[in-house]
């Protein structure tokens, strides 16, 4: 049986206070519908971090997965860049 295509996002860790869970903020640029100016939109995702590896400020890659809790539907794939 083959898996379907899963969504992948890259974002910054904004919280690691929970056990085995991180909050990742993903920013995207969208054009304002009336004025045409590019505006930054931020979406927060809760992701599963099995070994508590990620820290605040890290740039991480997360992938969509089955629901793990009420709000967790993503899991940590890799830490791209550590916090400065």
N, C-alpha and C. Protein backbone atom coordinates (compact mmCIF):
# COMPACT_ATOMS: atom_id res chain seq x y z
N UNK A 1 0.83 -1.18 0.00
CA UNK A 1 0.00 0.00 0.00
C UNK A 1 0.88 1.25 0.00
N UNK A 2 0.52 2.22 -0.82
CA UNK A 2 1.35 3.41 -0.98
C UNK A 2 0.71 4.61 -0.28
N UNK A 3 1.56 5.44 0.34
CA UNK A 3 1.06 6.65 0.98
C UNK A 3 0.74 7.71 -0.06
N UNK A 4 -0.22 8.55 0.26
CA UNK A 4 -0.50 9.69 -0.60
C UNK A 4 0.55 10.76 -0.39
N UNK A 5 0.52 11.79 -1.20
CA UNK A 5 1.45 12.90 -1.04
C UNK A 5 1.12 13.65 0.24
N UNK A 6 2.12 13.95 1.03
CA UNK A 6 1.92 14.64 2.29
C UNK A 6 2.46 16.05 2.21
N UNK A 7 1.75 16.98 2.84
CA UNK A 7 2.19 18.37 2.83
C UNK A 7 3.45 18.52 3.69
N UNK A 8 4.36 19.36 3.22
CA UNK A 8 5.60 19.65 3.94
C UNK A 8 5.70 21.16 4.09
N UNK A 9 6.06 21.62 5.29
CA UNK A 9 6.21 23.05 5.55
C UNK A 9 7.54 23.30 6.24
N UNK A 10 8.09 24.49 6.03
CA UNK A 10 9.32 24.90 6.72
C UNK A 10 8.97 26.14 7.53
N UNK A 11 9.34 26.13 8.81
CA UNK A 11 9.01 27.25 9.68
C UNK A 11 9.96 27.36 10.86
N UNK A 12 9.66 28.31 11.75
CA UNK A 12 10.50 28.59 12.91
C UNK A 12 9.79 28.12 14.17
N UNK A 13 10.53 27.47 15.07
CA UNK A 13 9.97 27.00 16.34
C UNK A 13 9.75 28.21 17.25
N UNK A 14 8.51 28.39 17.72
CA UNK A 14 8.21 29.52 18.60
C UNK A 14 7.94 29.06 20.02
N UNK A 15 7.73 27.74 20.23
CA UNK A 15 7.53 27.23 21.59
C UNK A 15 7.95 25.76 21.65
N UNK A 16 8.64 25.40 22.75
CA UNK A 16 9.00 24.00 22.98
C UNK A 16 8.70 23.60 24.42
N UNK A 17 7.77 24.31 25.05
CA UNK A 17 7.48 24.09 26.46
C UNK A 17 6.74 22.79 26.73
N UNK A 18 6.00 22.27 25.75
CA UNK A 18 5.25 21.02 25.95
C UNK A 18 6.18 19.82 25.77
N UNK A 19 5.79 18.70 26.35
CA UNK A 19 6.57 17.47 26.21
C UNK A 19 6.27 16.82 24.87
N UNK A 20 7.32 16.59 24.06
CA UNK A 20 7.23 15.95 22.75
C UNK A 20 6.38 16.73 21.75
N UNK A 21 6.19 18.02 21.99
CA UNK A 21 5.42 18.86 21.07
C UNK A 21 6.13 20.20 20.90
N UNK A 22 6.14 20.69 19.65
CA UNK A 22 6.66 22.03 19.37
C UNK A 22 5.59 22.81 18.61
N UNK A 23 5.66 24.13 18.71
CA UNK A 23 4.78 24.99 17.94
C UNK A 23 5.64 25.66 16.88
N UNK A 24 5.25 25.49 15.61
CA UNK A 24 6.03 25.99 14.48
C UNK A 24 5.23 27.08 13.78
N UNK A 25 5.83 28.26 13.62
CA UNK A 25 5.19 29.37 12.89
C UNK A 25 5.70 29.36 11.46
N UNK A 26 4.76 29.25 10.53
CA UNK A 26 5.09 29.23 9.10
C UNK A 26 4.59 30.54 8.49
N UNK A 27 5.50 31.29 7.87
CA UNK A 27 5.14 32.57 7.26
C UNK A 27 4.97 32.40 5.76
N UNK A 28 3.96 33.09 5.22
CA UNK A 28 3.79 33.12 3.77
C UNK A 28 3.47 34.53 3.34
N UNK A 29 3.86 34.89 2.14
CA UNK A 29 3.61 36.21 1.60
C UNK A 29 2.41 36.15 0.66
N UNK A 30 1.42 37.02 0.90
CA UNK A 30 0.24 37.09 0.04
C UNK A 30 0.02 38.54 -0.39
N UNK A 31 -0.58 38.72 -1.55
CA UNK A 31 -0.87 40.06 -2.02
C UNK A 31 -2.21 40.52 -1.46
N UNK A 32 -2.25 41.76 -0.97
CA UNK A 32 -3.51 42.31 -0.46
C UNK A 32 -4.50 42.42 -1.62
N UNK A 33 -5.74 41.95 -1.42
CA UNK A 33 -6.69 41.90 -2.54
C UNK A 33 -7.04 43.28 -3.13
N UNK A 34 -7.04 44.32 -2.31
CA UNK A 34 -7.41 45.65 -2.81
C UNK A 34 -6.19 46.49 -3.16
N UNK A 35 -5.21 46.55 -2.25
CA UNK A 35 -4.09 47.47 -2.42
C UNK A 35 -2.88 46.88 -3.13
N UNK A 36 -2.81 45.56 -3.25
CA UNK A 36 -1.73 44.95 -4.00
C UNK A 36 -0.42 44.82 -3.24
N UNK A 37 -0.35 45.38 -2.04
CA UNK A 37 0.89 45.29 -1.24
C UNK A 37 1.06 43.86 -0.74
N UNK A 38 2.31 43.40 -0.71
CA UNK A 38 2.60 42.07 -0.19
C UNK A 38 2.56 42.10 1.33
N UNK A 39 1.77 41.19 1.92
CA UNK A 39 1.57 41.14 3.36
C UNK A 39 2.03 39.79 3.88
N UNK A 40 2.66 39.77 5.07
CA UNK A 40 3.14 38.55 5.69
C UNK A 40 2.01 37.93 6.52
N UNK A 41 1.71 36.66 6.30
CA UNK A 41 0.71 35.94 7.08
C UNK A 41 1.41 34.82 7.84
N UNK A 42 1.09 34.63 9.11
CA UNK A 42 1.71 33.60 9.92
C UNK A 42 0.67 32.59 10.36
N UNK A 43 0.99 31.31 10.20
CA UNK A 43 0.14 30.23 10.67
C UNK A 43 0.95 29.39 11.64
N UNK A 44 0.33 28.99 12.75
CA UNK A 44 1.02 28.17 13.74
C UNK A 44 0.53 26.73 13.66
N UNK A 45 1.48 25.80 13.67
CA UNK A 45 1.17 24.38 13.66
C UNK A 45 1.79 23.73 14.89
N UNK A 46 1.07 22.78 15.50
CA UNK A 46 1.64 21.98 16.58
C UNK A 46 2.18 20.71 15.93
N UNK A 47 3.44 20.39 16.22
CA UNK A 47 4.10 19.26 15.60
C UNK A 47 4.68 18.32 16.66
N UNK A 48 4.71 17.03 16.33
CA UNK A 48 5.23 16.02 17.25
C UNK A 48 6.74 15.96 17.12
N UNK A 49 7.43 16.09 18.26
CA UNK A 49 8.90 16.04 18.32
C UNK A 49 9.26 14.95 19.32
N UNK A 50 9.43 13.73 18.83
CA UNK A 50 9.57 12.54 19.68
C UNK A 50 10.69 12.65 20.71
N UNK A 51 11.86 13.18 20.30
CA UNK A 51 13.02 13.21 21.20
C UNK A 51 13.28 14.59 21.81
N UNK A 52 12.34 15.50 21.71
CA UNK A 52 12.49 16.86 22.23
C UNK A 52 13.79 17.51 21.73
N UNK A 53 14.08 17.37 20.44
CA UNK A 53 15.33 17.87 19.86
C UNK A 53 15.26 19.37 19.53
N UNK A 54 14.13 19.83 19.03
CA UNK A 54 14.02 21.21 18.55
C UNK A 54 13.93 22.20 19.70
N UNK A 55 14.57 23.35 19.53
CA UNK A 55 14.56 24.42 20.52
C UNK A 55 13.98 25.68 19.88
N UNK A 56 13.62 26.65 20.70
CA UNK A 56 13.05 27.91 20.20
C UNK A 56 14.05 28.59 19.28
N UNK A 57 13.58 29.03 18.12
CA UNK A 57 14.42 29.73 17.15
C UNK A 57 14.95 28.85 16.04
N UNK A 58 14.86 27.52 16.18
CA UNK A 58 15.32 26.62 15.14
C UNK A 58 14.43 26.72 13.90
N UNK A 59 15.03 26.54 12.72
CA UNK A 59 14.28 26.42 11.48
C UNK A 59 14.10 24.92 11.24
N UNK A 60 12.84 24.48 11.10
CA UNK A 60 12.55 23.05 11.00
C UNK A 60 11.66 22.74 9.81
N UNK A 61 11.70 21.48 9.39
CA UNK A 61 10.80 20.98 8.36
C UNK A 61 9.80 20.05 9.04
N UNK A 62 8.50 20.29 8.79
CA UNK A 62 7.46 19.44 9.36
C UNK A 62 6.64 18.81 8.24
N UNK A 63 6.06 17.65 8.53
CA UNK A 63 5.29 16.92 7.53
C UNK A 63 3.94 16.53 8.12
N UNK A 64 2.93 16.57 7.27
CA UNK A 64 1.58 16.21 7.69
C UNK A 64 1.51 14.73 8.06
N UNK A 65 0.72 14.41 9.08
CA UNK A 65 0.57 13.02 9.50
C UNK A 65 -0.85 12.82 10.02
N UNK A 66 -1.15 11.62 10.50
CA UNK A 66 -2.49 11.35 11.05
C UNK A 66 -2.67 12.18 12.32
N UNK A 67 -3.90 12.42 12.75
CA UNK A 67 -4.10 13.17 13.99
C UNK A 67 -3.49 12.44 15.18
N UNK A 68 -2.63 13.15 15.92
CA UNK A 68 -1.97 12.57 17.09
C UNK A 68 -2.64 13.04 18.39
N UNK A 69 -3.33 14.17 18.34
CA UNK A 69 -4.08 14.67 19.48
C UNK A 69 -5.12 15.65 18.93
N UNK A 70 -5.73 16.42 19.81
CA UNK A 70 -6.78 17.34 19.38
C UNK A 70 -6.28 18.34 18.32
N UNK A 71 -5.07 18.86 18.48
CA UNK A 71 -4.56 19.87 17.56
C UNK A 71 -3.31 19.45 16.79
N UNK A 72 -2.70 18.33 17.15
CA UNK A 72 -1.45 17.90 16.50
C UNK A 72 -1.72 17.05 15.28
N UNK A 73 -1.35 17.57 14.09
CA UNK A 73 -1.48 16.82 12.84
C UNK A 73 -0.20 16.86 12.02
N UNK A 74 0.90 17.26 12.64
CA UNK A 74 2.19 17.40 11.96
C UNK A 74 3.26 16.72 12.79
N UNK A 75 4.37 16.34 12.13
CA UNK A 75 5.50 15.77 12.86
C UNK A 75 6.79 16.38 12.35
N UNK A 76 7.77 16.44 13.22
CA UNK A 76 9.06 17.00 12.88
C UNK A 76 9.82 16.03 11.98
N UNK A 77 10.31 16.52 10.85
CA UNK A 77 11.10 15.69 9.92
C UNK A 77 12.58 15.92 10.18
N UNK A 78 13.01 17.20 10.18
CA UNK A 78 14.41 17.50 10.42
C UNK A 78 14.57 18.93 10.89
N UNK A 79 15.69 19.17 11.57
CA UNK A 79 16.06 20.52 11.97
C UNK A 79 17.01 21.03 10.91
N UNK A 80 16.58 22.04 10.17
CA UNK A 80 17.38 22.57 9.05
C UNK A 80 18.50 23.45 9.56
N UNK A 81 18.17 24.33 10.52
CA UNK A 81 19.17 25.27 11.04
C UNK A 81 18.91 25.50 12.52
N UNK A 82 19.96 25.43 13.33
CA UNK A 82 19.82 25.66 14.75
C UNK A 82 19.66 27.14 15.07
N UNK A 83 19.16 27.43 16.26
CA UNK A 83 18.97 28.82 16.68
C UNK A 83 20.33 29.51 16.85
N UNK A 84 20.37 30.77 16.57
CA UNK A 84 21.62 31.52 16.67
C UNK A 84 21.84 32.00 18.09
